[in-house]
Amino acid sequence: MKTKIFTVLAVLAMATMVSAQTFNRIVVNIEKGSESDELYLIESPSFTDDFENSYDEAKGFIGGSIYIYGTTAYGSQSMVCTNSLQGAVIGYRATAAGTATITFSDLQSDLADVTTYFLLDTENGAYTQIGTASTDKYVFAAEAGDHPNRFMIVEPVQVTTNADGWVSFANKIALAPLPLSGLKAFYAKYNAANVVVDLHETKLIPATEGVLLYGAANTDYTLTPNVTGLTASTEQNDLVGCVTYTNVSGVAADIYCLRNVGGVSALYQYTGANIPAGKAYLPITASAAPAPARIAIRVAQPTDVREVEATVKAEKFMEDGKIYIRRGDNIYNLQGQKVN
């Protein structure tokens, strides 16, 4: 009881500190038999770093049989104050095995609605959407001992396709296109002989994996953590996912990124130093042959996604101030020389 009283006082102090700010709050409750415990999660973009150390409270494991806590760089916490709830890790400790129930209460949503978040069981892929109803709960078999990485707070991720329907993607947790949305995810395997990437559809986008997504042009799609029962493609994937802002200047390979040029999406050689978070790139080890400026995209299996490299009539387009002619999968300059 003393631990909970101290937690409440700490939360009141935190509420006072952020009263002039916007923040989200979720209380995660766990029950096992007659025992219970709670964890406070507070999110605000104004916190000075991932954890506001002045108010985070170390978890005390005294006398109870079940505990729930935030797993952080600072240890086990009764209250976690973070810039982003996305990816927050939750652990539990049980003195004996038995059935436990997790529920959510005391929600506040000044930022993005906290009911869009999910509690993800990283052990089996099960997920529960966080909401205000008292029936929202997750029941699981709690094993005895300490389990610091069992759960994670996740939220759906929105992506927007380009004018040709494509977008590259990577994320720090496993996600999948929302069922029936029409969005498809693909692994990419580089075919050096034909200077093309062959795409193989994957139903599951594993954590940190780079993929190419395809749907309707200029459309917002949602990727969710409802990955139970889904499997990733067994094909090799040459794409590298960047879940954070990534410096690639030291990569010993030619870097290719998805772009839409002249109405056709392909992988174009990239000369910059950084890849934005949530994107993917294709590294190609340098060889004796000149690096191609453009690598076409080809769907390698029967699918309702059209092949981007399909034969089309000749058309002109401009890139970097120069005019080129595209005919099928080939690009020519105005002198008739093939340049791709």
C-alpha atoms as a PDB file:
ATOM      1  CA  MET A   1       0.000   0.000   0.000  1.00  0.00           C
ATOM      2  CA  LYS A   2       2.844   2.426   0.776  1.00  0.00           C
ATOM      3  CA  THR A   3       4.235   1.977  -2.732  1.00  0.00           C
ATOM      4  CA  LYS A   4       0.883   2.814  -4.319  1.00  0.00           C
ATOM      5  CA  ILE A   5       0.376   5.862  -2.081  1.00  0.00           C
ATOM      6  CA  PHE A   6       3.805   7.139  -3.083  1.00  0.00           C
ATOM      7  CA  THR A   7       2.997   6.485  -6.738  1.00  0.00           C
ATOM      8  CA  VAL A   8      -0.226   8.478  -6.511  1.00  0.00           C
ATOM      9  CA  LEU A   9       1.605  11.383  -4.874  1.00  0.00           C
ATOM     10  CA  ALA A  10       4.260  11.277  -7.580  1.00  0.00           C
ATOM     11  CA  VAL A  11       1.588  11.261 -10.281  1.00  0.00           C
ATOM     12  CA  LEU A  12      -0.108  14.259  -8.693  1.00  0.00           C
ATOM     13  CA  ALA A  13       3.235  16.072  -8.744  1.00  0.00           C
ATOM     14  CA  MET A  14       3.721  15.112 -12.384  1.00  0.00           C
ATOM     15  CA  ALA A  15       0.198  16.278 -13.252  1.00  0.00           C
ATOM     16  CA  THR A  16       0.984  19.641 -11.691  1.00  0.00           C
ATOM     17  CA  MET A  17       4.203  19.927 -13.683  1.00  0.00           C
ATOM     18  CA  VAL A  18       2.502  19.166 -17.015  1.00  0.00           C
ATOM     19  CA  SER A  19      -0.782  20.959 -16.298  1.00  0.00           C
ATOM     20  CA  ALA A  20       0.095  23.674 -18.798  1.00  0.00           C
ATOM     21  CA  GLN A  21       1.234  21.084 -21.347  1.00  0.00           C
ATOM     22  CA  THR A  22      -0.445  18.398 -23.399  1.00  0.00           C
ATOM     23  CA  PHE A  23       0.096  14.818 -22.327  1.00  0.00           C
ATOM     24  CA  ASN A  24      -1.306  11.296 -22.441  1.00  0.00           C
ATOM     25  CA  ARG A  25      -1.696   9.066 -19.420  1.00  0.00           C
ATOM     26  CA  ILE A  26      -2.406   5.359 -19.137  1.00  0.00           C
ATOM     27  CA  VAL A  27      -2.559   3.365 -15.922  1.00  0.00           C
ATOM     28  CA  VAL A  28      -1.774  -0.290 -16.563  1.00  0.00           C
ATOM     29  CA  ASN A  29      -3.244  -2.566 -13.894  1.00  0.00           C
ATOM     30  CA  ILE A  30      -2.392  -6.218 -13.237  1.00  0.00           C
ATOM     31  CA  GLU A  31      -4.342  -8.656 -11.064  1.00  0.00           C
ATOM     32  CA  LYS A  32      -3.507 -12.214 -10.022  1.00  0.00           C
ATOM     33  CA  GLY A  33      -5.808 -13.800  -7.495  1.00  0.00           C
ATOM     34  CA  SER A  34      -6.309 -11.301  -4.692  1.00  0.00           C
ATOM     35  CA  GLU A  35      -3.093  -9.397  -5.487  1.00  0.00           C
ATOM     36  CA  SER A  36      -2.799  -6.357  -7.769  1.00  0.00           C
ATOM     37  CA  ASP A  37      -0.306  -3.742  -8.914  1.00  0.00           C
ATOM     38  CA  GLU A  38      -0.207  -0.774 -11.287  1.00  0.00           C
ATOM     39  CA  LEU A  39       2.073   1.132 -13.646  1.00  0.00           C
ATOM     40  CA  TYR A  40       1.700   4.770 -14.724  1.00  0.00           C
ATOM     41  CA  LEU A  41       2.687   5.704 -18.291  1.00  0.00           C
ATOM     42  CA  ILE A  42       2.822   9.430 -19.050  1.00  0.00           C
ATOM     43  CA  GLU A  43       3.659  10.821 -22.490  1.00  0.00           C
ATOM     44  CA  SER A  44       4.524  14.429 -23.297  1.00  0.00           C
ATOM     45  CA  PRO A  45       6.612  15.864 -26.154  1.00  0.00           C
ATOM     46  CA  SER A  46       7.985  18.506 -23.784  1.00  0.00           C
ATOM     47  CA  PHE A  47       9.904  16.096 -21.565  1.00  0.00           C
ATOM     48  CA  THR A  48      13.619  16.810 -21.697  1.00  0.00           C
ATOM     49  CA  ASP A  49      14.578  13.284 -22.751  1.00  0.00           C
ATOM     50  CA  ASP A  50      12.969   9.860 -23.024  1.00  0.00           C
ATOM     51  CA  PHE A  51      12.560   9.753 -19.267  1.00  0.00           C
ATOM     52  CA  GLU A  52      11.968  12.716 -16.965  1.00  0.00           C
ATOM     53  CA  ASN A  53      14.280  11.507 -14.219  1.00  0.00           C
ATOM     54  CA  SER A  54      13.036  13.893 -11.535  1.00  0.00           C
ATOM     55  CA  TYR A  55       9.694  12.117 -11.399  1.00  0.00           C
ATOM     56  CA  ASP A  56      10.275   8.565 -12.585  1.00  0.00           C
ATOM     57  CA  GLU A  57       9.857   6.233  -9.649  1.00  0.00           C
ATOM     58  CA  ALA A  58      11.896   3.076  -9.131  1.00  0.00           C
ATOM     59  CA  LYS A  59       9.706   0.020  -8.626  1.00  0.00           C
ATOM     60  CA  GLY A  60       9.791  -1.565  -5.211  1.00  0.00           C
ATOM     61  CA  PHE A  61       9.294  -5.337  -5.051  1.00  0.00           C
ATOM     62  CA  ILE A  62       8.190  -5.709  -1.427  1.00  0.00           C
ATOM     63  CA  GLY A  63       5.777  -8.271  -0.073  1.00  0.00           C
ATOM     64  CA  GLY A  64       3.482  -8.789  -3.057  1.00  0.00           C
ATOM     65  CA  SER A  65       3.047 -11.748  -5.367  1.00  0.00           C
ATOM     66  CA  ILE A  66       2.520  -9.894  -8.674  1.00  0.00           C
ATOM     67  CA  TYR A  67       4.061  -6.689 -10.018  1.00  0.00           C
ATOM     68  CA  ILE A  68       3.955  -4.732 -13.256  1.00  0.00           C
ATOM     69  CA  TYR A  69       6.587  -2.183 -14.186  1.00  0.00           C
ATOM     70  CA  GLY A  70       8.138  -0.153 -16.975  1.00  0.00           C
ATOM     71  CA  THR A  71      11.405  -1.562 -18.331  1.00  0.00           C
ATOM     72  CA  THR A  72      13.625   1.453 -18.989  1.00  0.00           C
ATOM     73  CA  ALA A  73      17.243   2.467 -19.345  1.00  0.00           C
ATOM     74  CA  TYR A  74      17.012   3.514 -15.692  1.00  0.00           C
ATOM     75  CA  GLY A  75      15.764   0.162 -14.415  1.00  0.00           C
ATOM     76  CA  SER A  76      12.291  -0.988 -13.344  1.00  0.00           C
ATOM     77  CA  GLN A  77       9.880   1.922 -12.914  1.00  0.00           C
ATOM     78  CA  SER A  78       6.485   2.388 -11.278  1.00  0.00           C
ATOM     79  CA  MET A  79       5.953   5.457 -13.445  1.00  0.00           C
ATOM     80  CA  VAL A  80       7.468   6.070 -16.864  1.00  0.00           C
ATOM     81  CA  CYS A  81       7.526   9.578 -18.345  1.00  0.00           C
ATOM     82  CA  THR A  82       8.424   9.498 -21.999  1.00  0.00           C
ATOM     83  CA  ASN A  83       8.380  11.546 -25.201  1.00  0.00           C
ATOM     84  CA  SER A  84       6.531   8.739 -26.985  1.00  0.00           C
ATOM     85  CA  LEU A  85       4.546   5.777 -25.701  1.00  0.00           C
ATOM     86  CA  GLN A  86       5.209   3.971 -28.978  1.00  0.00           C
ATOM     87  CA  GLY A  87       7.520   1.083 -28.149  1.00  0.00           C
ATOM     88  CA  ALA A  88       7.362   1.481 -24.355  1.00  0.00           C
ATOM     89  CA  VAL A  89       8.350  -1.877 -22.810  1.00  0.00           C
ATOM     90  CA  ILE A  90       6.469  -3.375 -19.845  1.00  0.00           C
ATOM     91  CA  GLY A  91       7.552  -6.246 -17.624  1.00  0.00           C
ATOM     92  CA  TYR A  92       5.990  -8.224 -14.808  1.00  0.00           C
ATOM     93  CA  ARG A  93       7.227 -10.241 -11.850  1.00  0.00           C
ATOM     94  CA  ALA A  94       5.334 -13.108 -10.226  1.00  0.00           C
ATOM     95  CA  THR A  95       6.292 -15.147  -7.169  1.00  0.00           C
ATOM     96  CA  ALA A  96       4.246 -18.122  -8.437  1.00  0.00           C
ATOM     97  CA  ALA A  97       2.698 -19.177 -11.747  1.00  0.00           C
ATOM     98  CA  GLY A  98      -0.985 -18.500 -12.351  1.00  0.00           C
ATOM     99  CA  THR A  99      -3.520 -16.599 -14.434  1.00  0.00           C
ATOM    100  CA  ALA A 100      -3.096 -12.818 -14.496  1.00  0.00           C
ATOM    101  CA  THR A 101      -5.239 -10.062 -15.994  1.00  0.00           C
ATOM    102  CA  ILE A 102      -4.117  -6.690 -17.360  1.00  0.00           C
ATOM    103  CA  THR A 103      -6.585  -3.798 -17.620  1.00  0.00           C
ATOM    104  CA  PHE A 104      -6.290  -0.064 -18.293  1.00  0.00           C
ATOM    105  CA  SER A 105      -7.696   2.870 -16.350  1.00  0.00           C
ATOM    106  CA  ASP A 106      -7.346   6.586 -15.596  1.00  0.00           C
ATOM    107  CA  LEU A 107      -6.804   7.453 -19.256  1.00  0.00           C
ATOM    108  CA  GLN A 108      -6.139  11.000 -20.400  1.00  0.00           C
ATOM    109  CA  SER A 109      -5.771  11.958 -24.060  1.00  0.00           C
ATOM    110  CA  ASP A 110      -4.506  15.469 -24.756  1.00  0.00           C
ATOM    111  CA  LEU A 111      -2.339  14.181 -27.621  1.00  0.00           C
ATOM    112  CA  ALA A 112      -3.262  11.423 -30.073  1.00  0.00           C
ATOM    113  CA  ASP A 113      -6.120   9.431 -28.549  1.00  0.00           C
ATOM    114  CA  VAL A 114      -4.621   6.764 -26.280  1.00  0.00           C
ATOM    115  CA  THR A 115      -7.359   4.361 -27.353  1.00  0.00           C
ATOM    116  CA  THR A 116      -5.426   4.005 -30.613  1.00  0.00           C
ATOM    117  CA  TYR A 117      -2.641   2.242 -28.691  1.00  0.00           C
ATOM    118  CA  PHE A 118      -2.341  -1.514 -28.274  1.00  0.00           C
ATOM    119  CA  LEU A 119      -0.803  -3.700 -25.596  1.00  0.00           C
ATOM    120  CA  LEU A 120       1.283  -6.223 -27.534  1.00  0.00           C
ATOM    121  CA  ASP A 121       2.337  -9.535 -25.988  1.00  0.00           C
ATOM    122  CA  THR A 122       5.791  -9.971 -27.501  1.00  0.00           C
ATOM    123  CA  GLU A 123       5.845 -13.660 -26.589  1.00  0.00           C
ATOM    124  CA  ASN A 124       2.905 -14.787 -28.706  1.00  0.00           C
ATOM    125  CA  GLY A 125       1.924 -11.792 -30.849  1.00  0.00           C
ATOM    126  CA  ALA A 126      -1.457 -11.329 -29.140  1.00  0.00           C
ATOM    127  CA  TYR A 127      -2.646  -7.758 -28.790  1.00  0.00           C
ATOM    128  CA  THR A 128      -5.330  -5.829 -26.939  1.00  0.00           C
ATOM    129  CA  GLN A 129      -6.552  -2.364 -27.856  1.00  0.00           C
ATOM    130  CA  ILE A 130      -6.465   0.115 -25.005  1.00  0.00           C
ATOM    131  CA  GLY A 131      -9.832   1.746 -24.354  1.00  0.00           C
ATOM    132  CA  THR A 132     -12.057   3.229 -21.708  1.00  0.00           C
ATOM    133  CA  ALA A 133     -14.443   0.288 -21.339  1.00  0.00           C
ATOM    134  CA  SER A 134     -14.039  -1.795 -18.193  1.00  0.00           C
ATOM    135  CA  THR A 135     -14.170  -4.956 -20.327  1.00  0.00           C
ATOM    136  CA  ASP A 136     -10.894  -4.102 -22.091  1.00  0.00           C
ATOM    137  CA  LYS A 137      -8.485  -6.619 -20.638  1.00  0.00           C
ATOM    138  CA  TYR A 138      -5.758  -9.109 -21.453  1.00  0.00           C
ATOM    139  CA  VAL A 139      -5.673 -12.457 -19.651  1.00  0.00           C
ATOM    140  CA  PHE A 140      -2.482 -14.523 -19.797  1.00  0.00           C
ATOM    141  CA  ALA A 141      -0.622 -17.331 -18.055  1.00  0.00           C
ATOM    142  CA  ALA A 142       1.902 -15.589 -15.823  1.00  0.00           C
ATOM    143  CA  GLU A 143       4.995 -17.653 -15.174  1.00  0.00           C
ATOM    144  CA  ALA A 144       6.929 -17.362 -11.949  1.00  0.00           C
ATOM    145  CA  GLY A 145       9.996 -15.130 -12.019  1.00  0.00           C
ATOM    146  CA  ASP A 146      10.958 -11.824 -13.603  1.00  0.00           C
ATOM    147  CA  HIS A 147       9.889 -11.063 -17.186  1.00  0.00           C
ATOM    148  CA  PRO A 148      11.153  -7.567 -18.076  1.00  0.00           C
ATOM    149  CA  ASN A 149      10.329  -7.529 -21.828  1.00  0.00           C
ATOM    150  CA  ARG A 150       6.982  -9.326 -22.034  1.00  0.00           C
ATOM    151  CA  PHE A 151       4.755  -6.470 -23.229  1.00  0.00           C
ATOM    152  CA  MET A 152       5.053  -3.413 -25.418  1.00  0.00           C
ATOM    153  CA  ILE A 153       2.846  -0.381 -26.041  1.00  0.00           C
ATOM    154  CA  VAL A 154       2.380   0.065 -29.781  1.00  0.00           C
ATOM    155  CA  GLU A 155       0.188   2.140 -32.043  1.00  0.00           C
ATOM    156  CA  PRO A 156      -0.846   1.815 -35.681  1.00  0.00           C
ATOM    157  CA  VAL A 157       1.474   3.540 -38.144  1.00  0.00           C
ATOM    158  CA  GLN A 158       0.177   5.512 -41.126  1.00  0.00           C
ATOM    159  CA  VAL A 159       2.000   5.594 -44.449  1.00  0.00           C
ATOM    160  CA  THR A 160       1.242   7.557 -47.622  1.00  0.00           C
ATOM    161  CA  THR A 161       1.954   6.148 -51.052  1.00  0.00           C
ATOM    162  CA  ASN A 162       3.498   8.241 -53.812  1.00  0.00           C
ATOM    163  CA  ALA A 163       1.993   9.194 -57.168  1.00  0.00           C
ATOM    164  CA  ASP A 164       2.707   5.687 -58.473  1.00  0.00           C
ATOM    165  CA  GLY A 165       1.356   3.861 -55.423  1.00  0.00           C
ATOM    166  CA  TRP A 166       4.682   2.956 -53.759  1.00  0.00           C
ATOM    167  CA  VAL A 167       6.414   3.813 -50.476  1.00  0.00           C
ATOM    168  CA  SER A 168       9.367   2.274 -48.608  1.00  0.00           C
ATOM    169  CA  PHE A 169       8.915   1.368 -44.961  1.00  0.00           C
ATOM    170  CA  ALA A 170      10.572   0.087 -41.780  1.00  0.00           C
ATOM    171  CA  ASN A 171       9.473   0.040 -38.139  1.00  0.00           C
ATOM    172  CA  LYS A 172      10.890  -1.001 -34.775  1.00  0.00           C
ATOM    173  CA  ILE A 173       8.022  -3.407 -34.081  1.00  0.00           C
ATOM    174  CA  ALA A 174       6.372  -5.984 -36.330  1.00  0.00           C
ATOM    175  CA  LEU A 175       3.370  -4.657 -38.246  1.00  0.00           C
ATOM    176  CA  ALA A 176       1.093  -5.682 -41.076  1.00  0.00           C
ATOM    177  CA  PRO A 177      -1.148  -3.834 -43.551  1.00  0.00           C
ATOM    178  CA  LEU A 178      -4.664  -3.418 -42.198  1.00  0.00           C
ATOM    179  CA  PRO A 179      -6.746  -6.355 -43.492  1.00  0.00           C
ATOM    180  CA  LEU A 180      -8.733  -5.638 -46.647  1.00  0.00           C
ATOM    181  CA  SER A 181      -7.032  -2.256 -47.073  1.00  0.00           C
ATOM    182  CA  GLY A 182      -5.557  -3.158 -50.471  1.00  0.00           C
ATOM    183  CA  LEU A 183      -2.008  -2.338 -49.383  1.00  0.00           C
ATOM    184  CA  LYS A 184       0.650  -4.979 -50.085  1.00  0.00           C
ATOM    185  CA  ALA A 185       4.143  -5.397 -48.614  1.00  0.00           C
ATOM    186  CA  PHE A 186       7.130  -6.782 -50.540  1.00  0.00           C
ATOM    187  CA  TYR A 187      10.652  -8.014 -49.930  1.00  0.00           C
ATOM    188  CA  ALA A 188      13.152  -7.023 -52.634  1.00  0.00           C
ATOM    189  CA  LYS A 189      15.916  -9.187 -54.118  1.00  0.00           C
ATOM    190  CA  TYR A 190      18.410  -7.474 -56.419  1.00  0.00           C
ATOM    191  CA  ASN A 191      18.859  -9.140 -59.826  1.00  0.00           C
ATOM    192  CA  ALA A 192      22.198  -7.770 -61.054  1.00  0.00           C
ATOM    193  CA  ALA A 193      21.999  -9.460 -64.464  1.00  0.00           C
ATOM    194  CA  ASN A 194      18.804  -7.633 -65.373  1.00  0.00           C
ATOM    195  CA  VAL A 195      19.364  -4.549 -63.175  1.00  0.00           C
ATOM    196  CA  VAL A 196      16.026  -5.060 -61.463  1.00  0.00           C
ATOM    197  CA  VAL A 197      14.707  -5.799 -57.991  1.00  0.00           C
ATOM    198  CA  ASP A 198      12.370  -8.790 -57.875  1.00  0.00           C
ATOM    199  CA  LEU A 199       9.590  -8.338 -55.324  1.00  0.00           C
ATOM    200  CA  HIS A 200       8.040 -11.099 -53.217  1.00  0.00           C
ATOM    201  CA  GLU A 201       4.937 -10.375 -51.173  1.00  0.00           C
ATOM    202  CA  THR A 202       5.122 -10.715 -47.395  1.00  0.00           C
ATOM    203  CA  LYS A 203       2.055 -10.709 -45.149  1.00  0.00           C
ATOM    204  CA  LEU A 204       4.094  -9.772 -42.080  1.00  0.00           C
ATOM    205  CA  ILE A 205       6.606  -6.934 -41.813  1.00  0.00           C
ATOM    206  CA  PRO A 206       9.066  -8.078 -39.126  1.00  0.00           C
ATOM    207  CA  ALA A 207      10.596  -5.572 -36.729  1.00  0.00           C
ATOM    208  CA  THR A 208      13.373  -3.455 -38.335  1.00  0.00           C
ATOM    209  CA  GLU A 209      12.885  -5.139 -41.743  1.00  0.00           C
ATOM    210  CA  GLY A 210      12.852  -2.904 -44.815  1.00  0.00           C
ATOM    211  CA  VAL A 211      10.014  -3.414 -47.303  1.00  0.00           C
ATOM    212  CA  LEU A 212       8.345  -1.755 -50.270  1.00  0.00           C
ATOM    213  CA  LEU A 213       4.616  -1.124 -49.929  1.00  0.00           C
ATOM    214  CA  TYR A 214       2.185  -0.825 -52.840  1.00  0.00           C
ATOM    215  CA  GLY A 215      -1.386   0.446 -52.984  1.00  0.00           C
ATOM    216  CA  ALA A 216      -3.449   3.162 -54.607  1.00  0.00           C
ATOM    217  CA  ALA A 217      -1.641   6.358 -55.601  1.00  0.00           C
ATOM    218  CA  ASN A 218      -1.353   9.180 -53.052  1.00  0.00           C
ATOM    219  CA  THR A 219      -3.321   7.270 -50.428  1.00  0.00           C
ATOM    220  CA  ASP A 220      -3.017   7.012 -46.646  1.00  0.00           C
ATOM    221  CA  TYR A 221      -2.855   3.456 -45.282  1.00  0.00           C
ATOM    222  CA  THR A 222      -2.637   2.052 -41.769  1.00  0.00           C
ATOM    223  CA  LEU A 223      -0.252  -0.650 -40.566  1.00  0.00           C
ATOM    224  CA  THR A 224      -1.290  -2.346 -37.324  1.00  0.00           C
ATOM    225  CA  PRO A 225       0.234  -4.767 -34.814  1.00  0.00           C
ATOM    226  CA  ASN A 226      -2.435  -7.416 -35.490  1.00  0.00           C
ATOM    227  CA  VAL A 227       0.170  -9.894 -36.714  1.00  0.00           C
ATOM    228  CA  THR A 228      -1.067 -13.070 -35.011  1.00  0.00           C
ATOM    229  CA  GLY A 229      -0.992 -15.979 -37.457  1.00  0.00           C
ATOM    230  CA  LEU A 230       0.897 -14.062 -40.160  1.00  0.00           C
ATOM    231  CA  THR A 231       4.268 -15.133 -41.509  1.00  0.00           C
ATOM    232  CA  ALA A 232       6.977 -13.230 -43.303  1.00  0.00           C
ATOM    233  CA  SER A 233       8.115 -14.108 -46.798  1.00  0.00           C
ATOM    234  CA  THR A 234      10.752 -16.828 -46.944  1.00  0.00           C
ATOM    235  CA  GLU A 235      12.523 -15.024 -49.790  1.00  0.00           C
ATOM    236  CA  GLN A 236      15.814 -13.206 -49.276  1.00  0.00           C
ATOM    237  CA  ASN A 237      15.404  -9.498 -48.636  1.00  0.00           C
ATOM    238  CA  ASP A 238      18.141  -7.083 -49.724  1.00  0.00           C
ATOM    239  CA  LEU A 239      16.422  -3.993 -48.318  1.00  0.00           C
ATOM    240  CA  VAL A 240      17.796  -2.395 -45.156  1.00  0.00           C
ATOM    241  CA  GLY A 241      15.278  -0.833 -42.790  1.00  0.00           C
ATOM    242  CA  CYS A 242      15.998   2.429 -40.959  1.00  0.00           C
ATOM    243  CA  VAL A 243      13.824   2.633 -37.854  1.00  0.00           C
ATOM    244  CA  THR A 244      15.665   5.788 -36.801  1.00  0.00           C
ATOM    245  CA  TYR A 245      17.250   8.662 -38.708  1.00  0.00           C
ATOM    246  CA  THR A 246      20.273   6.826 -40.161  1.00  0.00           C
ATOM    247  CA  ASN A 247      23.603   8.098 -41.449  1.00  0.00           C
ATOM    248  CA  VAL A 248      24.709   5.951 -44.416  1.00  0.00           C
ATOM    249  CA  SER A 249      27.819   7.906 -45.362  1.00  0.00           C
ATOM    250  CA  GLY A 250      30.001   5.121 -43.988  1.00  0.00           C
ATOM    251  CA  VAL A 251      28.238   2.276 -45.800  1.00  0.00           C
ATOM    252  CA  ALA A 252      30.655   0.547 -48.184  1.00  0.00           C
ATOM    253  CA  ALA A 253      28.100   0.140 -50.952  1.00  0.00           C
ATOM    254  CA  ASP A 254      26.083   2.131 -53.457  1.00  0.00           C
ATOM    255  CA  ILE A 255      22.835   3.272 -51.840  1.00  0.00           C
ATOM    256  CA  TYR A 256      19.510   3.171 -53.681  1.00  0.00           C
ATOM    257  CA  CYS A 257      16.253   4.703 -52.490  1.00  0.00           C
ATOM    258  CA  LEU A 258      12.711   4.621 -53.797  1.00  0.00           C
ATOM    259  CA  ARG A 259      11.764   7.660 -55.893  1.00  0.00           C
ATOM    260  CA  ASN A 260       9.093   8.568 -58.386  1.00  0.00           C
ATOM    261  CA  VAL A 261      10.569  10.161 -61.497  1.00  0.00           C
ATOM    262  CA  GLY A 262       8.430  10.967 -64.497  1.00  0.00           C
ATOM    263  CA  GLY A 263       5.487   9.004 -63.100  1.00  0.00           C
ATOM    264  CA  VAL A 264       7.446   5.759 -62.658  1.00  0.00           C
ATOM    265  CA  SER A 265       8.725   4.532 -59.300  1.00  0.00           C
ATOM    266  CA  ALA A 266      12.084   2.794 -59.142  1.00  0.00           C
ATOM    267  CA  LEU A 267      15.182   2.621 -56.944  1.00  0.00           C
ATOM    268  CA  TYR A 268      17.536   5.477 -57.795  1.00  0.00           C
ATOM    269  CA  GLN A 269      21.123   5.915 -56.688  1.00  0.00           C
ATOM    270  CA  TYR A 270      21.260   8.127 -53.598  1.00  0.00           C
ATOM    271  CA  THR A 271      24.085  10.560 -52.977  1.00  0.00           C
ATOM    272  CA  GLY A 272      22.990  11.951 -49.619  1.00  0.00           C
ATOM    273  CA  ALA A 273      24.242  10.996 -46.168  1.00  0.00           C
ATOM    274  CA  ASN A 274      21.044  10.285 -44.229  1.00  0.00           C
ATOM    275  CA  ILE A 275      17.940   8.107 -44.559  1.00  0.00           C
ATOM    276  CA  PRO A 276      14.802   9.319 -42.737  1.00  0.00           C
ATOM    277  CA  ALA A 277      13.334   7.190 -39.964  1.00  0.00           C
ATOM    278  CA  GLY A 278      10.763   4.681 -41.154  1.00  0.00           C
ATOM    279  CA  LYS A 279      12.274   4.229 -44.614  1.00  0.00           C
ATOM    280  CA  ALA A 280      14.331   1.541 -46.367  1.00  0.00           C
ATOM    281  CA  TYR A 281      17.216   1.512 -48.805  1.00  0.00           C
ATOM    282  CA  LEU A 282      18.970  -0.996 -51.072  1.00  0.00           C
ATOM    283  CA  PRO A 283      22.771  -1.312 -50.704  1.00  0.00           C
ATOM    284  CA  ILE A 284      24.680  -2.717 -53.688  1.00  0.00           C
ATOM    285  CA  THR A 285      28.312  -3.629 -53.203  1.00  0.00           C
ATOM    286  CA  ALA A 286      30.534  -1.838 -55.683  1.00  0.00           C
ATOM    287  CA  SER A 287      31.817  -3.927 -58.593  1.00  0.00           C
ATOM    288  CA  ALA A 288      33.897  -3.464 -61.737  1.00  0.00           C
ATOM    289  CA  ALA A 289      30.766  -2.464 -63.648  1.00  0.00           C
ATOM    290  CA  PRO A 290      29.506   1.124 -63.336  1.00  0.00           C
ATOM    291  CA  ALA A 291      26.725   1.508 -60.769  1.00  0.00           C
ATOM    292  CA  PRO A 292      23.333   1.858 -62.469  1.00  0.00           C
ATOM    293  CA  ALA A 293      21.565   5.155 -61.979  1.00  0.00           C
ATOM    294  CA  ARG A 294      18.167   3.487 -61.813  1.00  0.00           C
ATOM    295  CA  ILE A 295      16.960   0.008 -60.817  1.00  0.00           C
ATOM    296  CA  ALA A 296      13.543  -1.084 -62.020  1.00  0.00           C
ATOM    297  CA  ILE A 297      10.938  -2.779 -59.808  1.00  0.00           C
ATOM    298  CA  ARG A 298       9.460  -6.106 -60.885  1.00  0.00           C
ATOM    299  CA  VAL A 299       6.874  -8.193 -59.074  1.00  0.00           C
ATOM    300  CA  ALA A 300       8.322 -11.711 -59.198  1.00  0.00           C
ATOM    301  CA  GLN A 301       5.155 -13.642 -58.356  1.00  0.00           C
ATOM    302  CA  PRO A 302       1.596 -13.612 -59.753  1.00  0.00           C
ATOM    303  CA  THR A 303      -0.260 -10.780 -58.076  1.00  0.00           C
ATOM    304  CA  ASP A 304      -2.795  -8.094 -58.803  1.00  0.00           C
ATOM    305  CA  VAL A 305      -0.057  -5.470 -58.461  1.00  0.00           C
ATOM    306  CA  ARG A 306       0.985  -4.378 -61.918  1.00  0.00           C
ATOM    307  CA  GLU A 307       4.593  -4.670 -62.935  1.00  0.00           C
ATOM    308  CA  VAL A 308       6.131  -1.234 -62.884  1.00  0.00           C
ATOM    309  CA  GLU A 309       8.567  -2.236 -65.587  1.00  0.00           C
ATOM    310  CA  ALA A 310       5.796  -3.303 -67.981  1.00  0.00           C
ATOM    311  CA  THR A 311       6.231  -2.096 -71.545  1.00  0.00           C
ATOM    312  CA  VAL A 312       4.823   1.365 -72.143  1.00  0.00           C
ATOM    313  CA  LYS A 313       4.902   3.749 -75.059  1.00  0.00           C
ATOM    314  CA  ALA A 314       7.843   6.100 -75.397  1.00  0.00           C
ATOM    315  CA  GLU A 315       7.535   9.238 -73.309  1.00  0.00           C
ATOM    316  CA  LYS A 316       9.663  12.222 -72.424  1.00  0.00           C
ATOM    317  CA  PHE A 317      10.512  13.311 -68.896  1.00  0.00           C
ATOM    318  CA  MET A 318      12.903  15.727 -67.229  1.00  0.00           C
ATOM    319  CA  GLU A 319      15.365  14.955 -64.461  1.00  0.00           C
ATOM    320  CA  ASP A 320      18.080  17.234 -63.073  1.00  0.00           C
ATOM    321  CA  GLY A 321      17.325  19.766 -65.814  1.00  0.00           C
ATOM    322  CA  LYS A 322      17.849  17.279 -68.655  1.00  0.00           C
ATOM    323  CA  ILE A 323      15.294  15.703 -70.983  1.00  0.00           C
ATOM    324  CA  TYR A 324      15.214  11.919 -71.416  1.00  0.00           C
ATOM    325  CA  ILE A 325      13.049   9.439 -73.301  1.00  0.00           C
ATOM    326  CA  ARG A 326      11.645   6.353 -71.588  1.00  0.00           C
ATOM    327  CA  ARG A 327      10.687   3.359 -73.708  1.00  0.00           C
ATOM    328  CA  GLY A 328       9.622   0.335 -71.712  1.00  0.00           C
ATOM    329  CA  ASP A 329      12.309  -0.329 -69.134  1.00  0.00           C
ATOM    330  CA  ASN A 330      15.009   1.660 -70.907  1.00  0.00           C
ATOM    331  CA  ILE A 331      15.927   5.341 -70.725  1.00  0.00           C
ATOM    332  CA  TYR A 332      17.651   7.221 -73.565  1.00  0.00           C
ATOM    333  CA  ASN A 333      19.049  10.727 -73.941  1.00  0.00           C
ATOM    334  CA  LEU A 334      18.054  12.951 -76.862  1.00  0.00           C
ATOM    335  CA  GLN A 335      20.989  11.571 -78.863  1.00  0.00           C
ATOM    336  CA  GLY A 336      19.460   8.090 -78.684  1.00  0.00           C
ATOM    337  CA  GLN A 337      22.070   6.736 -76.249  1.00  0.00           C
ATOM    338  CA  LYS A 338      20.873   4.347 -73.559  1.00  0.00           C
ATOM    339  CA  VAL A 339      21.655   5.886 -70.179  1.00  0.00           C
ATOM    340  CA  ASN A 340      20.241   3.417 -67.616  1.00  0.00           C
END
